[in-house]
């Protein structure tokens, strides 16, 4: 291992104390980058949002998330469970019943996601105007 490299799973790949572009490292094996990749994908965001303040069964999640396949929902839930964001509870009944809920850690992430959604809703008109201007300029410069 290279000198100065940490084996710690919580190591954030930062090399400076100041915030900057390299707050997380661009290396694929960087722990922070891996976590951000996981929680920032569209399916994880939707699952976390749906599980806010309620427990849902797999079929309920599938019905609520338009366009997600059973395989992708299963994979997403497993990853979120592995990361400690979602708790899976199997009830010993026939047929088997499995519930999913946010863990306390997952609930803290939901607060952050809600802030991002709020920002998006607040700035939606500006973004729409910027897109329209960009598309108009691109159409004028097209051959």
N, C-alpha and C. Protein backbone atom coordinates (compact mmCIF):
# COMPACT_ATOMS: atom_id res chain seq x y z
N UNK A 1 0.84 -1.18 0.00
CA UNK A 1 0.00 0.00 0.00
C UNK A 1 0.88 1.23 0.00
N UNK A 2 0.46 2.24 -0.75
CA UNK A 2 1.21 3.48 -0.86
C UNK A 2 1.22 4.21 0.49
N UNK A 3 2.35 4.82 0.79
CA UNK A 3 2.47 5.55 2.04
C UNK A 3 1.44 6.67 2.11
N UNK A 4 0.80 6.80 3.27
CA UNK A 4 -0.21 7.84 3.45
C UNK A 4 -1.61 7.40 3.06
N UNK A 5 -1.75 6.17 2.55
CA UNK A 5 -3.04 5.66 2.15
C UNK A 5 -3.69 4.96 3.33
N UNK A 6 -4.96 5.23 3.55
CA UNK A 6 -5.66 4.66 4.68
C UNK A 6 -6.45 3.43 4.27
N UNK A 7 -6.43 2.40 5.14
CA UNK A 7 -7.24 1.22 4.94
C UNK A 7 -8.63 1.38 5.53
N UNK A 8 -8.85 2.42 6.27
CA UNK A 8 -10.10 2.63 6.99
C UNK A 8 -11.27 2.73 6.03
N UNK A 9 -12.38 1.99 6.29
CA UNK A 9 -13.55 2.08 5.43
C UNK A 9 -14.19 3.46 5.45
N UNK A 10 -13.95 4.24 6.48
CA UNK A 10 -14.56 5.55 6.56
C UNK A 10 -13.69 6.63 5.93
N UNK A 11 -12.55 6.25 5.40
CA UNK A 11 -11.65 7.21 4.80
C UNK A 11 -12.34 7.88 3.61
N UNK A 12 -12.32 9.19 3.55
CA UNK A 12 -13.09 9.91 2.54
C UNK A 12 -12.28 10.27 1.30
N UNK A 13 -11.05 9.86 1.21
CA UNK A 13 -10.19 10.11 0.06
C UNK A 13 -9.78 11.57 -0.06
N UNK A 14 -9.99 12.35 0.97
CA UNK A 14 -9.59 13.76 0.94
C UNK A 14 -8.12 13.87 1.27
N UNK A 15 -7.46 14.81 0.63
CA UNK A 15 -6.05 15.04 0.90
C UNK A 15 -5.82 16.41 1.50
N UNK A 16 -6.84 17.28 1.48
CA UNK A 16 -6.70 18.62 2.03
C UNK A 16 -7.86 18.88 2.97
N UNK A 17 -7.67 19.80 3.90
CA UNK A 17 -8.74 20.14 4.83
C UNK A 17 -9.76 21.09 4.22
N UNK A 18 -9.38 21.83 3.20
CA UNK A 18 -10.28 22.79 2.59
C UNK A 18 -11.21 22.10 1.60
N UNK A 19 -12.44 22.63 1.51
CA UNK A 19 -13.39 22.11 0.53
C UNK A 19 -12.90 22.46 -0.85
N UNK A 20 -13.06 21.59 -1.76
CA UNK A 20 -12.67 21.85 -3.13
C UNK A 20 -13.22 20.77 -4.03
N UNK A 21 -12.82 20.84 -5.28
CA UNK A 21 -13.27 19.88 -6.27
C UNK A 21 -12.95 18.45 -5.83
N UNK A 22 -11.86 18.30 -5.12
CA UNK A 22 -11.44 16.96 -4.73
C UNK A 22 -11.97 16.57 -3.35
N UNK A 23 -13.15 17.08 -2.97
CA UNK A 23 -13.73 16.66 -1.70
C UNK A 23 -13.89 15.14 -1.71
N UNK A 24 -14.28 14.61 -2.82
CA UNK A 24 -14.23 13.17 -3.01
C UNK A 24 -13.34 12.93 -4.21
N UNK A 25 -12.69 11.83 -4.20
CA UNK A 25 -11.68 11.55 -5.21
C UNK A 25 -12.34 10.97 -6.45
N UNK A 26 -11.72 11.15 -7.59
CA UNK A 26 -12.28 10.65 -8.84
C UNK A 26 -11.98 9.17 -9.06
N UNK A 27 -11.17 8.59 -8.21
CA UNK A 27 -10.88 7.16 -8.36
C UNK A 27 -12.15 6.35 -8.14
N UNK A 28 -12.34 5.33 -8.92
CA UNK A 28 -13.54 4.50 -8.81
C UNK A 28 -13.62 3.77 -7.48
N UNK A 29 -12.46 3.45 -6.88
CA UNK A 29 -12.47 2.69 -5.63
C UNK A 29 -12.60 3.59 -4.39
N UNK A 30 -12.82 4.87 -4.58
CA UNK A 30 -12.99 5.80 -3.45
C UNK A 30 -14.32 5.51 -2.76
N UNK A 31 -14.29 5.35 -1.45
CA UNK A 31 -15.48 5.01 -0.67
C UNK A 31 -16.57 6.08 -0.80
N UNK A 32 -16.19 7.35 -0.73
CA UNK A 32 -17.17 8.43 -0.83
C UNK A 32 -17.84 8.40 -2.20
N UNK A 33 -17.06 8.22 -3.23
CA UNK A 33 -17.62 8.17 -4.59
C UNK A 33 -18.58 7.00 -4.72
N UNK A 34 -18.23 5.85 -4.16
CA UNK A 34 -19.10 4.68 -4.24
C UNK A 34 -20.43 4.93 -3.53
N UNK A 35 -20.38 5.56 -2.37
CA UNK A 35 -21.61 5.85 -1.63
C UNK A 35 -22.45 6.86 -2.40
N UNK A 36 -21.84 7.90 -2.92
CA UNK A 36 -22.59 8.89 -3.70
C UNK A 36 -23.21 8.27 -4.94
N UNK A 37 -22.46 7.41 -5.62
CA UNK A 37 -23.02 6.72 -6.78
C UNK A 37 -24.25 5.91 -6.40
N UNK A 38 -24.21 5.27 -5.26
CA UNK A 38 -25.32 4.43 -4.81
C UNK A 38 -26.55 5.26 -4.45
N UNK A 39 -26.37 6.25 -3.60
CA UNK A 39 -27.53 6.97 -3.09
C UNK A 39 -28.07 8.00 -4.07
N UNK A 40 -27.28 8.39 -5.06
CA UNK A 40 -27.72 9.43 -5.99
C UNK A 40 -28.37 8.87 -7.25
N UNK A 41 -28.47 7.55 -7.38
CA UNK A 41 -29.12 7.04 -8.58
C UNK A 41 -30.63 7.21 -8.45
N UNK A 42 -31.30 7.27 -9.59
CA UNK A 42 -32.73 7.64 -9.57
C UNK A 42 -33.59 6.66 -8.80
N UNK A 43 -33.28 5.38 -8.84
CA UNK A 43 -34.12 4.40 -8.15
C UNK A 43 -33.96 4.51 -6.64
N UNK A 44 -32.73 4.69 -6.17
CA UNK A 44 -32.50 4.82 -4.73
C UNK A 44 -33.20 6.05 -4.18
N UNK A 45 -33.11 7.16 -4.90
CA UNK A 45 -33.78 8.38 -4.45
C UNK A 45 -35.28 8.18 -4.32
N UNK A 46 -35.87 7.50 -5.29
CA UNK A 46 -37.31 7.26 -5.24
C UNK A 46 -37.70 6.33 -4.09
N UNK A 47 -36.93 5.27 -3.89
CA UNK A 47 -37.22 4.33 -2.79
C UNK A 47 -37.13 5.05 -1.45
N UNK A 48 -36.06 5.81 -1.26
CA UNK A 48 -35.88 6.53 0.00
C UNK A 48 -37.03 7.52 0.22
N UNK A 49 -37.44 8.21 -0.82
CA UNK A 49 -38.54 9.15 -0.69
C UNK A 49 -39.85 8.45 -0.34
N UNK A 50 -40.11 7.33 -0.95
CA UNK A 50 -41.36 6.59 -0.69
C UNK A 50 -41.40 6.01 0.72
N UNK A 51 -40.24 5.65 1.24
CA UNK A 51 -40.21 5.02 2.57
C UNK A 51 -40.18 6.04 3.70
N UNK A 52 -40.20 7.32 3.37
CA UNK A 52 -40.23 8.33 4.42
C UNK A 52 -41.52 8.21 5.23
N UNK A 53 -41.39 7.97 6.51
CA UNK A 53 -42.50 7.90 7.46
C UNK A 53 -43.49 6.77 7.20
N UNK A 54 -43.12 5.79 6.40
CA UNK A 54 -44.02 4.66 6.19
C UNK A 54 -43.23 3.41 5.81
N UNK A 55 -43.78 2.29 6.16
CA UNK A 55 -43.23 0.99 5.79
C UNK A 55 -44.04 0.48 4.61
N UNK A 56 -43.34 -0.04 3.61
CA UNK A 56 -44.03 -0.55 2.43
C UNK A 56 -43.55 -1.95 2.09
N UNK A 57 -44.43 -2.69 1.48
CA UNK A 57 -44.08 -4.01 0.97
C UNK A 57 -43.47 -3.85 -0.42
N UNK A 58 -42.79 -4.90 -0.87
CA UNK A 58 -42.13 -4.88 -2.17
C UNK A 58 -43.13 -4.52 -3.27
N UNK A 59 -44.30 -5.17 -3.27
CA UNK A 59 -45.28 -4.93 -4.33
C UNK A 59 -45.80 -3.49 -4.31
N UNK A 60 -45.91 -2.91 -3.13
CA UNK A 60 -46.33 -1.51 -3.04
C UNK A 60 -45.27 -0.59 -3.64
N UNK A 61 -44.01 -0.86 -3.34
CA UNK A 61 -42.93 -0.07 -3.92
C UNK A 61 -42.94 -0.19 -5.44
N UNK A 62 -43.08 -1.40 -5.93
CA UNK A 62 -43.08 -1.63 -7.38
C UNK A 62 -44.22 -0.88 -8.06
N UNK A 63 -45.39 -0.87 -7.44
CA UNK A 63 -46.53 -0.17 -8.01
C UNK A 63 -46.33 1.35 -8.01
N UNK A 64 -45.66 1.85 -7.01
CA UNK A 64 -45.47 3.29 -6.87
C UNK A 64 -44.37 3.86 -7.77
N UNK A 65 -43.38 3.03 -8.12
CA UNK A 65 -42.24 3.51 -8.90
C UNK A 65 -42.44 3.15 -10.36
N UNK A 66 -42.87 4.10 -11.12
CA UNK A 66 -43.14 3.89 -12.54
C UNK A 66 -41.86 3.56 -13.30
N UNK A 67 -41.88 2.45 -14.02
CA UNK A 67 -40.77 2.09 -14.89
C UNK A 67 -39.70 1.21 -14.28
N UNK A 68 -39.78 0.90 -13.00
CA UNK A 68 -38.74 0.06 -12.39
C UNK A 68 -39.10 -1.41 -12.59
N UNK A 69 -38.10 -2.20 -12.94
CA UNK A 69 -38.32 -3.64 -13.09
C UNK A 69 -38.21 -4.31 -11.72
N UNK A 70 -38.73 -5.52 -11.63
CA UNK A 70 -38.64 -6.26 -10.38
C UNK A 70 -37.19 -6.50 -10.01
N UNK A 71 -36.38 -6.83 -10.99
CA UNK A 71 -34.96 -7.09 -10.75
C UNK A 71 -34.25 -5.84 -10.23
N UNK A 72 -34.54 -4.68 -10.85
CA UNK A 72 -33.87 -3.45 -10.43
C UNK A 72 -34.32 -3.03 -9.04
N UNK A 73 -35.61 -3.21 -8.73
CA UNK A 73 -36.08 -2.88 -7.39
C UNK A 73 -35.42 -3.77 -6.36
N UNK A 74 -35.31 -5.06 -6.66
CA UNK A 74 -34.66 -6.00 -5.74
C UNK A 74 -33.21 -5.59 -5.50
N UNK A 75 -32.49 -5.28 -6.58
CA UNK A 75 -31.09 -4.87 -6.48
C UNK A 75 -30.95 -3.58 -5.68
N UNK A 76 -31.81 -2.61 -5.95
CA UNK A 76 -31.76 -1.33 -5.25
C UNK A 76 -32.00 -1.52 -3.76
N UNK A 77 -33.02 -2.30 -3.41
CA UNK A 77 -33.33 -2.54 -2.00
C UNK A 77 -32.18 -3.25 -1.29
N UNK A 78 -31.58 -4.23 -1.95
CA UNK A 78 -30.44 -4.94 -1.35
C UNK A 78 -29.28 -4.00 -1.08
N UNK A 79 -28.99 -3.14 -2.04
CA UNK A 79 -27.88 -2.19 -1.85
C UNK A 79 -28.18 -1.21 -0.73
N UNK A 80 -29.40 -0.71 -0.67
CA UNK A 80 -29.76 0.22 0.39
C UNK A 80 -29.74 -0.46 1.76
N UNK A 81 -30.14 -1.72 1.79
CA UNK A 81 -30.08 -2.49 3.03
C UNK A 81 -28.63 -2.70 3.45
N UNK A 82 -27.79 -3.05 2.51
CA UNK A 82 -26.37 -3.27 2.80
C UNK A 82 -25.71 -2.01 3.34
N UNK A 83 -26.11 -0.86 2.81
CA UNK A 83 -25.54 0.42 3.24
C UNK A 83 -26.15 0.92 4.55
N UNK A 84 -27.12 0.19 5.09
CA UNK A 84 -27.71 0.57 6.36
C UNK A 84 -28.78 1.64 6.27
N UNK A 85 -29.32 1.85 5.07
CA UNK A 85 -30.31 2.90 4.86
C UNK A 85 -31.74 2.37 4.92
N UNK A 86 -31.89 1.09 4.61
CA UNK A 86 -33.21 0.46 4.60
C UNK A 86 -33.16 -0.80 5.45
N UNK A 87 -34.25 -1.03 6.19
CA UNK A 87 -34.38 -2.24 7.00
C UNK A 87 -35.42 -3.14 6.34
N UNK A 88 -35.06 -4.40 6.18
CA UNK A 88 -35.94 -5.41 5.60
C UNK A 88 -36.42 -6.31 6.72
N UNK A 89 -37.75 -6.45 6.84
CA UNK A 89 -38.32 -7.30 7.87
C UNK A 89 -39.15 -8.39 7.22
N UNK A 90 -38.79 -9.64 7.50
CA UNK A 90 -39.52 -10.79 6.96
C UNK A 90 -40.45 -11.30 8.05
N UNK A 91 -41.74 -11.39 7.75
CA UNK A 91 -42.73 -11.89 8.70
C UNK A 91 -42.99 -13.36 8.40
N UNK A 92 -42.93 -14.23 9.43
CA UNK A 92 -43.09 -15.68 9.23
C UNK A 92 -44.56 -16.07 9.04
N UNK A 93 -45.10 -15.69 7.89
CA UNK A 93 -46.48 -16.05 7.55
C UNK A 93 -46.49 -16.67 6.16
N UNK A 94 -47.61 -17.29 5.82
CA UNK A 94 -47.76 -17.86 4.48
C UNK A 94 -48.89 -17.12 3.79
N UNK A 95 -48.67 -16.53 2.63
CA UNK A 95 -47.38 -16.39 1.96
C UNK A 95 -46.47 -15.42 2.71
N UNK A 96 -45.16 -15.51 2.46
CA UNK A 96 -44.21 -14.66 3.18
C UNK A 96 -44.52 -13.18 2.95
N UNK A 97 -44.36 -12.40 3.99
CA UNK A 97 -44.57 -10.96 3.91
C UNK A 97 -43.27 -10.28 4.27
N UNK A 98 -42.83 -9.38 3.40
CA UNK A 98 -41.58 -8.65 3.62
C UNK A 98 -41.89 -7.16 3.57
N UNK A 99 -41.50 -6.46 4.61
CA UNK A 99 -41.68 -5.01 4.70
C UNK A 99 -40.34 -4.31 4.61
N UNK A 100 -40.37 -3.10 4.06
CA UNK A 100 -39.17 -2.28 3.97
C UNK A 100 -39.45 -0.94 4.64
N UNK A 101 -38.47 -0.45 5.39
CA UNK A 101 -38.58 0.83 6.08
C UNK A 101 -37.21 1.50 6.10
N UNK A 102 -37.22 2.82 6.22
CA UNK A 102 -35.96 3.53 6.38
C UNK A 102 -35.41 3.28 7.78
N UNK A 103 -34.12 3.15 7.88
CA UNK A 103 -33.45 3.11 9.17
C UNK A 103 -33.30 4.56 9.64
N UNK A 104 -32.89 4.78 10.88
CA UNK A 104 -32.62 6.17 11.30
C UNK A 104 -31.60 6.86 10.40
N UNK A 105 -30.59 6.12 9.94
CA UNK A 105 -29.61 6.68 9.01
C UNK A 105 -30.28 7.07 7.70
N UNK A 106 -31.14 6.20 7.18
CA UNK A 106 -31.86 6.50 5.94
C UNK A 106 -32.75 7.72 6.09
N UNK A 107 -33.34 7.88 7.26
CA UNK A 107 -34.21 9.04 7.50
C UNK A 107 -33.41 10.34 7.42
N UNK A 108 -32.16 10.33 7.89
CA UNK A 108 -31.35 11.54 7.79
C UNK A 108 -31.03 11.86 6.34
N UNK A 109 -30.88 10.83 5.52
CA UNK A 109 -30.64 11.05 4.09
C UNK A 109 -31.88 11.62 3.42
N UNK A 110 -33.05 11.17 3.86
CA UNK A 110 -34.27 11.70 3.27
C UNK A 110 -34.36 13.21 3.44
N UNK A 111 -33.92 13.72 4.56
CA UNK A 111 -33.92 15.17 4.81
C UNK A 111 -33.09 15.89 3.76
N UNK A 112 -31.95 15.32 3.41
CA UNK A 112 -31.08 15.91 2.40
C UNK A 112 -31.73 15.84 1.02
N UNK A 113 -32.35 14.71 0.71
CA UNK A 113 -33.03 14.55 -0.57
C UNK A 113 -34.17 15.58 -0.68
N UNK A 114 -34.91 15.78 0.40
CA UNK A 114 -36.01 16.74 0.38
C UNK A 114 -35.50 18.14 0.10
N UNK A 115 -34.35 18.48 0.64
CA UNK A 115 -33.75 19.80 0.37
C UNK A 115 -33.43 19.94 -1.12
N UNK A 116 -32.93 18.89 -1.73
CA UNK A 116 -32.63 18.91 -3.16
C UNK A 116 -33.90 19.05 -3.99
N UNK A 117 -34.96 18.34 -3.61
CA UNK A 117 -36.24 18.45 -4.31
C UNK A 117 -36.79 19.86 -4.17
N UNK A 118 -36.71 20.43 -2.97
CA UNK A 118 -37.18 21.79 -2.74
C UNK A 118 -36.42 22.79 -3.61
N UNK A 119 -35.11 22.62 -3.69
CA UNK A 119 -34.29 23.50 -4.54
C UNK A 119 -34.73 23.38 -6.00
N UNK A 120 -34.95 22.16 -6.45
CA UNK A 120 -35.35 21.92 -7.84
C UNK A 120 -36.69 22.58 -8.14
N UNK A 121 -37.65 22.41 -7.24
CA UNK A 121 -38.96 23.02 -7.44
C UNK A 121 -38.86 24.54 -7.47
N UNK A 122 -38.05 25.12 -6.60
CA UNK A 122 -37.89 26.57 -6.52
C UNK A 122 -37.26 27.13 -7.80
N UNK A 123 -36.30 26.40 -8.36
CA UNK A 123 -35.55 26.89 -9.52
C UNK A 123 -36.04 26.31 -10.85
N UNK A 124 -37.11 25.57 -10.84
CA UNK A 124 -37.62 24.94 -12.06
C UNK A 124 -37.87 25.95 -13.19
N UNK A 125 -38.49 27.12 -12.93
CA UNK A 125 -38.69 28.08 -14.03
C UNK A 125 -37.38 28.57 -14.65
N UNK A 126 -36.37 28.81 -13.81
CA UNK A 126 -35.08 29.25 -14.33
C UNK A 126 -34.42 28.17 -15.18
N UNK A 127 -34.53 26.94 -14.73
CA UNK A 127 -33.94 25.82 -15.47
C UNK A 127 -34.67 25.64 -16.80
N UNK A 128 -36.01 25.74 -16.80
CA UNK A 128 -36.79 25.62 -18.03
C UNK A 128 -36.40 26.72 -19.02
N UNK A 129 -36.22 27.95 -18.53
CA UNK A 129 -35.81 29.06 -19.40
C UNK A 129 -34.42 28.82 -19.97
N UNK A 130 -33.51 28.34 -19.14
CA UNK A 130 -32.15 28.06 -19.62
C UNK A 130 -32.16 26.96 -20.67
N UNK A 131 -32.96 25.92 -20.47
CA UNK A 131 -33.07 24.85 -21.46
C UNK A 131 -33.62 25.37 -22.78
N UNK A 132 -34.66 26.19 -22.70
CA UNK A 132 -35.27 26.74 -23.92
C UNK A 132 -34.26 27.60 -24.67
N UNK A 133 -33.51 28.44 -23.96
CA UNK A 133 -32.50 29.28 -24.61
C UNK A 133 -31.40 28.43 -25.24
N UNK A 134 -30.97 27.41 -24.54
CA UNK A 134 -29.94 26.51 -25.07
C UNK A 134 -30.43 25.81 -26.33
N UNK A 135 -31.65 25.26 -26.27
CA UNK A 135 -32.22 24.54 -27.42
C UNK A 135 -32.39 25.47 -28.62
N UNK A 136 -32.82 26.71 -28.38
CA UNK A 136 -32.99 27.67 -29.47
C UNK A 136 -31.64 27.99 -30.10
N UNK A 137 -30.63 28.20 -29.28
CA UNK A 137 -29.29 28.49 -29.82
C UNK A 137 -28.74 27.30 -30.58
N UNK A 138 -28.98 26.11 -30.07
CA UNK A 138 -28.50 24.89 -30.75
C UNK A 138 -29.21 24.71 -32.08
N UNK A 139 -30.50 25.03 -32.13
CA UNK A 139 -31.26 24.90 -33.37
C UNK A 139 -30.77 25.89 -34.43
N UNK A 140 -30.38 27.09 -33.99
CA UNK A 140 -29.89 28.10 -34.94
C UNK A 140 -28.53 27.75 -35.49
N UNK A 141 -27.72 27.07 -34.69
CA UNK A 141 -26.37 26.74 -35.15
C UNK A 141 -26.29 25.39 -35.85
N UNK A 142 -27.39 24.66 -35.88
CA UNK A 142 -27.41 23.34 -36.54
C UNK A 142 -27.37 23.53 -38.05
N UNK A 143 -26.65 22.62 -38.74
CA UNK A 143 -26.54 22.75 -40.21
C UNK A 143 -27.83 22.46 -40.92
